[in-house]
């Protein structure tokens, strides 16, 4: 995952740096590059979720309250019986 590394410079607050150094030490790592890489991956993969949530928000109000309750009940039943 992090085989093709490239050096770069970013500006972060002292509080962020201290938290990253503390987390790196807890993980037994000397620096926090891997943690920053993981955070960037998580952020970028989350962008698609944001678009999905926006799409879902546009659908708010499309179903009546009764339809929404029925759908929620059916989804709950499906999840309970999921294998």
PDB file of N, CA and C in Angstrom:
ATOM      1  N   UNK A   1       0.815  -1.185   0.000  1.00  0.00           N
ATOM      2  CA  UNK A   1       0.000   0.000   0.000  1.00  0.00           C
ATOM      3  C   UNK A   1       0.862   1.253   0.000  1.00  0.00           C
ATOM      4  N   UNK A   2       1.894   1.293   0.816  1.00  0.00           N
ATOM      5  CA  UNK A   2       2.714   2.490   0.924  1.00  0.00           C
ATOM      6  C   UNK A   2       4.098   2.256   0.320  1.00  0.00           C
ATOM      7  N   UNK A   3       4.164   1.481  -0.759  1.00  0.00           N
ATOM      8  CA  UNK A   3       5.453   1.172  -1.372  1.00  0.00           C
ATOM      9  C   UNK A   3       5.984   2.319  -2.211  1.00  0.00           C
ATOM     10  N   UNK A   4       5.112   3.031  -2.888  1.00  0.00           N
ATOM     11  CA  UNK A   4       5.526   4.139  -3.739  1.00  0.00           C
ATOM     12  C   UNK A   4       5.385   5.449  -2.970  1.00  0.00           C
ATOM     13  N   UNK A   5       6.287   5.655  -2.036  1.00  0.00           N
ATOM     14  CA  UNK A   5       6.205   6.830  -1.183  1.00  0.00           C
ATOM     15  C   UNK A   5       6.836   8.039  -1.835  1.00  0.00           C
ATOM     16  N   UNK A   6       6.313   9.205  -1.487  1.00  0.00           N
ATOM     17  CA  UNK A   6       6.849  10.456  -1.985  1.00  0.00           C
ATOM     18  C   UNK A   6       6.915  11.416  -0.808  1.00  0.00           C
ATOM     19  N   UNK A   7       8.035  12.067  -0.674  1.00  0.00           N
ATOM     20  CA  UNK A   7       8.172  13.056   0.398  1.00  0.00           C
ATOM     21  C   UNK A   7       7.420  14.319   0.028  1.00  0.00           C
ATOM     22  N   UNK A   8       6.775  14.894   1.052  1.00  0.00           N
ATOM     23  CA  UNK A   8       6.084  16.162   0.850  1.00  0.00           C
ATOM     24  C   UNK A   8       6.072  16.900   2.185  1.00  0.00           C
ATOM     25  N   UNK A   9       5.649  18.125   2.165  1.00  0.00           N
ATOM     26  CA  UNK A   9       5.574  18.925   3.385  1.00  0.00           C
ATOM     27  C   UNK A   9       4.139  19.358   3.578  1.00  0.00           C
ATOM     28  N   UNK A  10       3.643  19.188   4.794  1.00  0.00           N
ATOM     29  CA  UNK A  10       2.310  19.685   5.136  1.00  0.00           C
ATOM     30  C   UNK A  10       2.427  20.528   6.387  1.00  0.00           C
ATOM     31  N   UNK A  11       1.493  21.425   6.566  1.00  0.00           N
ATOM     32  CA  UNK A  11       1.474  22.247   7.765  1.00  0.00           C
ATOM     33  C   UNK A  11       0.360  21.743   8.668  1.00  0.00           C
ATOM     34  N   UNK A  12       0.724  21.390   9.914  1.00  0.00           N
ATOM     35  CA  UNK A  12      -0.251  20.943  10.900  1.00  0.00           C
ATOM     36  C   UNK A  12      -0.002  21.689  12.195  1.00  0.00           C
ATOM     37  N   UNK A  13      -1.004  21.687  13.038  1.00  0.00           N
ATOM     38  CA  UNK A  13      -0.854  22.375  14.328  1.00  0.00           C
ATOM     39  C   UNK A  13       0.055  21.556  15.242  1.00  0.00           C
ATOM     40  N   UNK A  14       0.585  22.204  16.241  1.00  0.00           N
ATOM     41  CA  UNK A  14       1.420  21.511  17.221  1.00  0.00           C
ATOM     42  C   UNK A  14       0.611  20.440  17.942  1.00  0.00           C
ATOM     43  N   UNK A  15      -0.659  20.709  18.186  1.00  0.00           N
ATOM     44  CA  UNK A  15      -1.516  19.718  18.850  1.00  0.00           C
ATOM     45  C   UNK A  15      -1.673  18.473  17.980  1.00  0.00           C
ATOM     46  N   UNK A  16      -1.864  18.665  16.670  1.00  0.00           N
ATOM     47  CA  UNK A  16      -1.981  17.520  15.766  1.00  0.00           C
ATOM     48  C   UNK A  16      -0.672  16.736  15.734  1.00  0.00           C
ATOM     49  N   UNK A  17       0.430  17.458  15.672  1.00  0.00           N
ATOM     50  CA  UNK A  17       1.741  16.786  15.636  1.00  0.00           C
ATOM     51  C   UNK A  17       1.957  15.966  16.899  1.00  0.00           C
ATOM     52  N   UNK A  18       1.634  16.549  18.046  1.00  0.00           N
ATOM     53  CA  UNK A  18       1.821  15.846  19.314  1.00  0.00           C
ATOM     54  C   UNK A  18       0.939  14.596  19.376  1.00  0.00           C
ATOM     55  N   UNK A  19      -0.306  14.712  18.924  1.00  0.00           N
ATOM     56  CA  UNK A  19      -1.213  13.565  18.939  1.00  0.00           C
ATOM     57  C   UNK A  19      -0.721  12.476  17.993  1.00  0.00           C
ATOM     58  N   UNK A  20      -0.229  12.889  16.830  1.00  0.00           N
ATOM     59  CA  UNK A  20       0.298  11.906  15.877  1.00  0.00           C
ATOM     60  C   UNK A  20       1.545  11.211  16.423  1.00  0.00           C
ATOM     61  N   UNK A  21       2.428  11.966  17.054  1.00  0.00           N
ATOM     62  CA  UNK A  21       3.636  11.372  17.627  1.00  0.00           C
ATOM     63  C   UNK A  21       3.287  10.397  18.754  1.00  0.00           C
ATOM     64  N   UNK A  22       2.312  10.757  19.559  1.00  0.00           N
ATOM     65  CA  UNK A  22       1.865   9.890  20.653  1.00  0.00           C
ATOM     66  C   UNK A  22       1.278   8.595  20.079  1.00  0.00           C
ATOM     67  N   UNK A  23       0.437   8.704  19.061  1.00  0.00           N
ATOM     68  CA  UNK A  23      -0.159   7.529  18.443  1.00  0.00           C
ATOM     69  C   UNK A  23       0.902   6.655  17.791  1.00  0.00           C
ATOM     70  N   UNK A  24       1.858   7.287  17.112  1.00  0.00           N
ATOM     71  CA  UNK A  24       2.946   6.526  16.483  1.00  0.00           C
ATOM     72  C   UNK A  24       3.740   5.769  17.543  1.00  0.00           C
ATOM     73  N   UNK A  25       4.027   6.415  18.668  1.00  0.00           N
ATOM     74  CA  UNK A  25       4.777   5.759  19.743  1.00  0.00           C
ATOM     75  C   UNK A  25       3.994   4.576  20.304  1.00  0.00           C
ATOM     76  N   UNK A  26       2.696   4.742  20.460  1.00  0.00           N
ATOM     77  CA  UNK A  26       1.858   3.644  20.959  1.00  0.00           C
ATOM     78  C   UNK A  26       1.886   2.454  19.999  1.00  0.00           C
ATOM     79  N   UNK A  27       2.022   2.743  18.713  1.00  0.00           N
ATOM     80  CA  UNK A  27       2.052   1.691  17.700  1.00  0.00           C
ATOM     81  C   UNK A  27       3.458   1.168  17.453  1.00  0.00           C
ATOM     82  N   UNK A  28       4.426   1.749  18.137  1.00  0.00           N
ATOM     83  CA  UNK A  28       5.805   1.303  17.967  1.00  0.00           C
ATOM     84  C   UNK A  28       6.444   1.800  16.684  1.00  0.00           C
ATOM     85  N   UNK A  29       5.956   2.893  16.161  1.00  0.00           N
ATOM     86  CA  UNK A  29       6.499   3.475  14.933  1.00  0.00           C
ATOM     87  C   UNK A  29       7.315   4.710  15.275  1.00  0.00           C
ATOM     88  N   UNK A  30       8.348   4.965  14.486  1.00  0.00           N
ATOM     89  CA  UNK A  30       9.230   6.107  14.766  1.00  0.00           C
ATOM     90  C   UNK A  30       8.638   7.423  14.291  1.00  0.00           C
ATOM     91  N   UNK A  31       7.889   7.418  13.236  1.00  0.00           N
ATOM     92  CA  UNK A  31       7.286   8.636  12.706  1.00  0.00           C
ATOM     93  C   UNK A  31       5.804   8.415  12.481  1.00  0.00           C
ATOM     94  N   UNK A  32       5.139   9.428  11.934  1.00  0.00           N
ATOM     95  CA  UNK A  32       3.703   9.302  11.757  1.00  0.00           C
ATOM     96  C   UNK A  32       3.269   9.297  10.294  1.00  0.00           C
ATOM     97  N   UNK A  33       4.205   9.055   9.373  1.00  0.00           N
ATOM     98  CA  UNK A  33       3.859   9.023   7.951  1.00  0.00           C
ATOM     99  C   UNK A  33       2.816   7.959   7.638  1.00  0.00           C
ATOM    100  N   UNK A  34       2.961   6.778   8.218  1.00  0.00           N
ATOM    101  CA  UNK A  34       2.000   5.700   7.958  1.00  0.00           C
ATOM    102  C   UNK A  34       0.606   6.095   8.452  1.00  0.00           C
ATOM    103  N   UNK A  35       0.549   6.744   9.605  1.00  0.00           N
ATOM    104  CA  UNK A  35      -0.740   7.168  10.162  1.00  0.00           C
ATOM    105  C   UNK A  35      -1.385   8.209   9.257  1.00  0.00           C
ATOM    106  N   UNK A  36      -0.595   9.158   8.779  1.00  0.00           N
ATOM    107  CA  UNK A  36      -1.127  10.176   7.874  1.00  0.00           C
ATOM    108  C   UNK A  36      -1.615   9.515   6.584  1.00  0.00           C
ATOM    109  N   UNK A  37      -0.851   8.549   6.064  1.00  0.00           N
ATOM    110  CA  UNK A  37      -1.272   7.830   4.865  1.00  0.00           C
ATOM    111  C   UNK A  37      -2.596   7.116   5.069  1.00  0.00           C
ATOM    112  N   UNK A  38      -2.752   6.462   6.224  1.00  0.00           N
ATOM    113  CA  UNK A  38      -4.004   5.781   6.538  1.00  0.00           C
ATOM    114  C   UNK A  38      -5.155   6.781   6.629  1.00  0.00           C
ATOM    115  N   UNK A  39      -4.894   7.937   7.220  1.00  0.00           N
ATOM    116  CA  UNK A  39      -5.927   8.961   7.356  1.00  0.00           C
ATOM    117  C   UNK A  39      -6.345   9.497   5.988  1.00  0.00           C
ATOM    118  N   UNK A  40      -5.379   9.710   5.103  1.00  0.00           N
ATOM    119  CA  UNK A  40      -5.687  10.188   3.753  1.00  0.00           C
ATOM    120  C   UNK A  40      -6.515   9.140   3.012  1.00  0.00           C
ATOM    121  N   UNK A  41      -6.124   7.863   3.117  1.00  0.00           N
ATOM    122  CA  UNK A  41      -6.900   6.788   2.486  1.00  0.00           C
ATOM    123  C   UNK A  41      -8.339   6.780   2.993  1.00  0.00           C
ATOM    124  N   UNK A  42      -8.503   6.882   4.316  1.00  0.00           N
ATOM    125  CA  UNK A  42      -9.835   6.861   4.911  1.00  0.00           C
ATOM    126  C   UNK A  42     -10.657   8.056   4.440  1.00  0.00           C
ATOM    127  N   UNK A  43     -10.028   9.221   4.389  1.00  0.00           N
ATOM    128  CA  UNK A  43     -10.728  10.426   3.944  1.00  0.00           C
ATOM    129  C   UNK A  43     -11.173  10.287   2.496  1.00  0.00           C
ATOM    130  N   UNK A  44     -10.252   9.845   1.638  1.00  0.00           N
ATOM    131  CA  UNK A  44     -10.577   9.739   0.218  1.00  0.00           C
ATOM    132  C   UNK A  44     -11.639   8.676  -0.040  1.00  0.00           C
ATOM    133  N   UNK A  45     -11.604   7.573   0.686  1.00  0.00           N
ATOM    134  CA  UNK A  45     -12.625   6.546   0.485  1.00  0.00           C
ATOM    135  C   UNK A  45     -13.969   7.022   1.025  1.00  0.00           C
ATOM    136  N   UNK A  46     -13.952   7.929   1.980  1.00  0.00           N
ATOM    137  CA  UNK A  46     -15.183   8.471   2.542  1.00  0.00           C
ATOM    138  C   UNK A  46     -15.863   9.489   1.660  1.00  0.00           C
ATOM    139  N   UNK A  47     -15.174  10.008   0.670  1.00  0.00           N
ATOM    140  CA  UNK A  47     -15.785  10.998  -0.216  1.00  0.00           C
ATOM    141  C   UNK A  47     -16.982  10.418  -0.950  1.00  0.00           C
ATOM    142  N   UNK A  48     -16.889   9.164  -1.366  1.00  0.00           N
ATOM    143  CA  UNK A  48     -18.006   8.514  -2.041  1.00  0.00           C
ATOM    144  C   UNK A  48     -19.210   8.388  -1.126  1.00  0.00           C
ATOM    145  N   UNK A  49     -18.961   8.123   0.158  1.00  0.00           N
ATOM    146  CA  UNK A  49     -20.058   8.023   1.110  1.00  0.00           C
ATOM    147  C   UNK A  49     -20.773   9.360   1.242  1.00  0.00           C
ATOM    148  N   UNK A  50     -20.010  10.432   1.195  1.00  0.00           N
ATOM    149  CA  UNK A  50     -20.608  11.751   1.298  1.00  0.00           C
ATOM    150  C   UNK A  50     -21.569  11.983   0.142  1.00  0.00           C
ATOM    151  N   UNK A  51     -21.175  11.599  -1.064  1.00  0.00           N
ATOM    152  CA  UNK A  51     -22.052  11.752  -2.221  1.00  0.00           C
ATOM    153  C   UNK A  51     -23.292  10.890  -2.071  1.00  0.00           C
ATOM    154  N   UNK A  52     -23.135   9.656  -1.563  1.00  0.00           N
ATOM    155  CA  UNK A  52     -24.274   8.775  -1.341  1.00  0.00           C
ATOM    156  C   UNK A  52     -25.232   9.384  -0.326  1.00  0.00           C
ATOM    157  N   UNK A  53     -24.665   9.979   0.721  1.00  0.00           N
ATOM    158  CA  UNK A  53     -25.518  10.598   1.738  1.00  0.00           C
ATOM    159  C   UNK A  53     -26.275  11.786   1.170  1.00  0.00           C
ATOM    160  N   UNK A  54     -25.621  12.545   0.284  1.00  0.00           N
ATOM    161  CA  UNK A  54     -26.314  13.659  -0.353  1.00  0.00           C
ATOM    162  C   UNK A  54     -27.462  13.155  -1.215  1.00  0.00           C
ATOM    163  N   UNK A  55     -27.205  12.064  -1.953  1.00  0.00           N
ATOM    164  CA  UNK A  55     -28.258  11.474  -2.777  1.00  0.00           C
ATOM    165  C   UNK A  55     -29.418  11.011  -1.904  1.00  0.00           C
ATOM    166  N   UNK A  56     -29.091  10.383  -0.771  1.00  0.00           N
ATOM    167  CA  UNK A  56     -30.135   9.909   0.135  1.00  0.00           C
ATOM    168  C   UNK A  56     -30.922  11.078   0.713  1.00  0.00           C
ATOM    169  N   UNK A  57     -30.243  12.158   1.036  1.00  0.00           N
ATOM    170  CA  UNK A  57     -30.927  13.326   1.602  1.00  0.00           C
ATOM    171  C   UNK A  57     -31.912  13.926   0.604  1.00  0.00           C
ATOM    172  N   UNK A  58     -31.584  13.858  -0.683  1.00  0.00           N
ATOM    173  CA  UNK A  58     -32.500  14.374  -1.710  1.00  0.00           C
ATOM    174  C   UNK A  58     -33.800  13.580  -1.755  1.00  0.00           C
ATOM    175  N   UNK A  59     -33.738  12.326  -1.284  1.00  0.00           N
ATOM    176  CA  UNK A  59     -34.923  11.467  -1.298  1.00  0.00           C
ATOM    177  C   UNK A  59     -35.805  11.652  -0.069  1.00  0.00           C
ATOM    178  N   UNK A  60     -35.343  12.453   0.883  1.00  0.00           N
ATOM    179  CA  UNK A  60     -36.114  12.677   2.105  1.00  0.00           C
ATOM    180  C   UNK A  60     -37.496  13.218   1.742  1.00  0.00           C
ATOM    181  N   UNK A  61     -38.515  12.589   2.313  1.00  0.00           N
ATOM    182  CA  UNK A  61     -39.883  13.041   2.077  1.00  0.00           C
ATOM    183  C   UNK A  61     -40.558  12.378   0.897  1.00  0.00           C
ATOM    184  N   UNK A  62     -39.833  11.543   0.159  1.00  0.00           N
ATOM    185  CA  UNK A  62     -40.416  10.875  -1.003  1.00  0.00           C
ATOM    186  C   UNK A  62     -41.441   9.837  -0.553  1.00  0.00           C
ATOM    187  N   UNK A  63     -41.148   9.132   0.546  1.00  0.00           N
ATOM    188  CA  UNK A  63     -42.072   8.145   1.089  1.00  0.00           C
ATOM    189  C   UNK A  63     -42.970   8.797   2.136  1.00  0.00           C
ATOM    190  N   UNK A  64     -44.194   8.300   2.218  1.00  0.00           N
ATOM    191  CA  UNK A  64     -45.068   8.763   3.299  1.00  0.00           C
ATOM    192  C   UNK A  64     -44.540   8.188   4.610  1.00  0.00           C
ATOM    193  N   UNK A  65     -45.051   8.674   5.729  1.00  0.00           N
ATOM    194  CA  UNK A  65     -44.601   8.151   7.019  1.00  0.00           C
ATOM    195  C   UNK A  65     -44.916   6.669   7.142  1.00  0.00           C
ATOM    196  N   UNK A  66     -46.098   6.264   6.678  1.00  0.00           N
ATOM    197  CA  UNK A  66     -46.467   4.841   6.733  1.00  0.00           C
ATOM    198  C   UNK A  66     -45.534   4.001   5.871  1.00  0.00           C
ATOM    199  N   UNK A  67     -45.220   4.475   4.669  1.00  0.00           N
ATOM    200  CA  UNK A  67     -44.308   3.749   3.781  1.00  0.00           C
ATOM    201  C   UNK A  67     -42.919   3.652   4.403  1.00  0.00           C
ATOM    202  N   UNK A  68     -42.470   4.722   5.016  1.00  0.00           N
ATOM    203  CA  UNK A  68     -41.142   4.731   5.639  1.00  0.00           C
ATOM    204  C   UNK A  68     -41.091   3.747   6.804  1.00  0.00           C
ATOM    205  N   UNK A  69     -42.129   3.733   7.648  1.00  0.00           N
ATOM    206  CA  UNK A  69     -42.176   2.780   8.763  1.00  0.00           C
ATOM    207  C   UNK A  69     -42.193   1.342   8.254  1.00  0.00           C
ATOM    208  N   UNK A  70     -42.974   1.088   7.195  1.00  0.00           N
ATOM    209  CA  UNK A  70     -43.046  -0.252   6.618  1.00  0.00           C
ATOM    210  C   UNK A  70     -41.680  -0.675   6.073  1.00  0.00           C
ATOM    211  N   UNK A  71     -41.019   0.221   5.358  1.00  0.00           N
ATOM    212  CA  UNK A  71     -39.695  -0.084   4.813  1.00  0.00           C
ATOM    213  C   UNK A  71     -38.701  -0.350   5.937  1.00  0.00           C
ATOM    214  N   UNK A  72     -38.729   0.489   6.960  1.00  0.00           N
ATOM    215  CA  UNK A  72     -37.818   0.302   8.092  1.00  0.00           C
ATOM    216  C   UNK A  72     -38.055  -1.050   8.764  1.00  0.00           C
ATOM    217  N   UNK A  73     -39.311  -1.440   8.925  1.00  0.00           N
ATOM    218  CA  UNK A  73     -39.647  -2.726   9.536  1.00  0.00           C
ATOM    219  C   UNK A  73     -39.132  -3.884   8.678  1.00  0.00           C
ATOM    220  N   UNK A  74     -39.309  -3.779   7.366  1.00  0.00           N
ATOM    221  CA  UNK A  74     -38.843  -4.842   6.473  1.00  0.00           C
ATOM    222  C   UNK A  74     -37.322  -4.956   6.487  1.00  0.00           C
ATOM    223  N   UNK A  75     -36.639  -3.822   6.512  1.00  0.00           N
ATOM    224  CA  UNK A  75     -35.174  -3.837   6.568  1.00  0.00           C
ATOM    225  C   UNK A  75     -34.710  -4.460   7.875  1.00  0.00           C
ATOM    226  N   UNK A  76     -35.349  -4.094   8.971  1.00  0.00           N
ATOM    227  CA  UNK A  76     -34.993  -4.668  10.276  1.00  0.00           C
ATOM    228  C   UNK A  76     -35.153  -6.184  10.252  1.00  0.00           C
ATOM    229  N   UNK A  77     -36.269  -6.665   9.682  1.00  0.00           N
ATOM    230  CA  UNK A  77     -36.509  -8.110   9.583  1.00  0.00           C
ATOM    231  C   UNK A  77     -35.443  -8.779   8.734  1.00  0.00           C
ATOM    232  N   UNK A  78     -35.104  -8.172   7.611  1.00  0.00           N
ATOM    233  CA  UNK A  78     -34.048  -8.725   6.750  1.00  0.00           C
ATOM    234  C   UNK A  78     -32.726  -8.813   7.492  1.00  0.00           C
ATOM    235  N   UNK A  79     -32.384  -7.768   8.228  1.00  0.00           N
ATOM    236  CA  UNK A  79     -31.109  -7.770   8.955  1.00  0.00           C
ATOM    237  C   UNK A  79     -31.093  -8.814  10.062  1.00  0.00           C
ATOM    238  N   UNK A  80     -32.218  -9.015  10.715  1.00  0.00           N
ATOM    239  CA  UNK A  80     -32.287 -10.015  11.779  1.00  0.00           C
ATOM    240  C   UNK A  80     -32.101 -11.419  11.233  1.00  0.00           C
ATOM    241  N   UNK A  81     -32.537 -11.639   9.998  1.00  0.00           N
ATOM    242  CA  UNK A  81     -32.471 -12.979   9.396  1.00  0.00           C
ATOM    243  C   UNK A  81     -31.304 -13.137   8.432  1.00  0.00           C
ATOM    244  N   UNK A  82     -30.423 -12.156   8.377  1.00  0.00           N
ATOM    245  CA  UNK A  82     -29.273 -12.187   7.460  1.00  0.00           C
ATOM    246  C   UNK A  82     -28.302 -13.297   7.862  1.00  0.00           C
ATOM    247  N   UNK A  83     -27.830 -14.043   6.879  1.00  0.00           N
ATOM    248  CA  UNK A  83     -26.864 -15.119   7.180  1.00  0.00           C
ATOM    249  C   UNK A  83     -25.660 -14.959   6.342  1.00  0.00           C
TER     250      UNK A  83
END
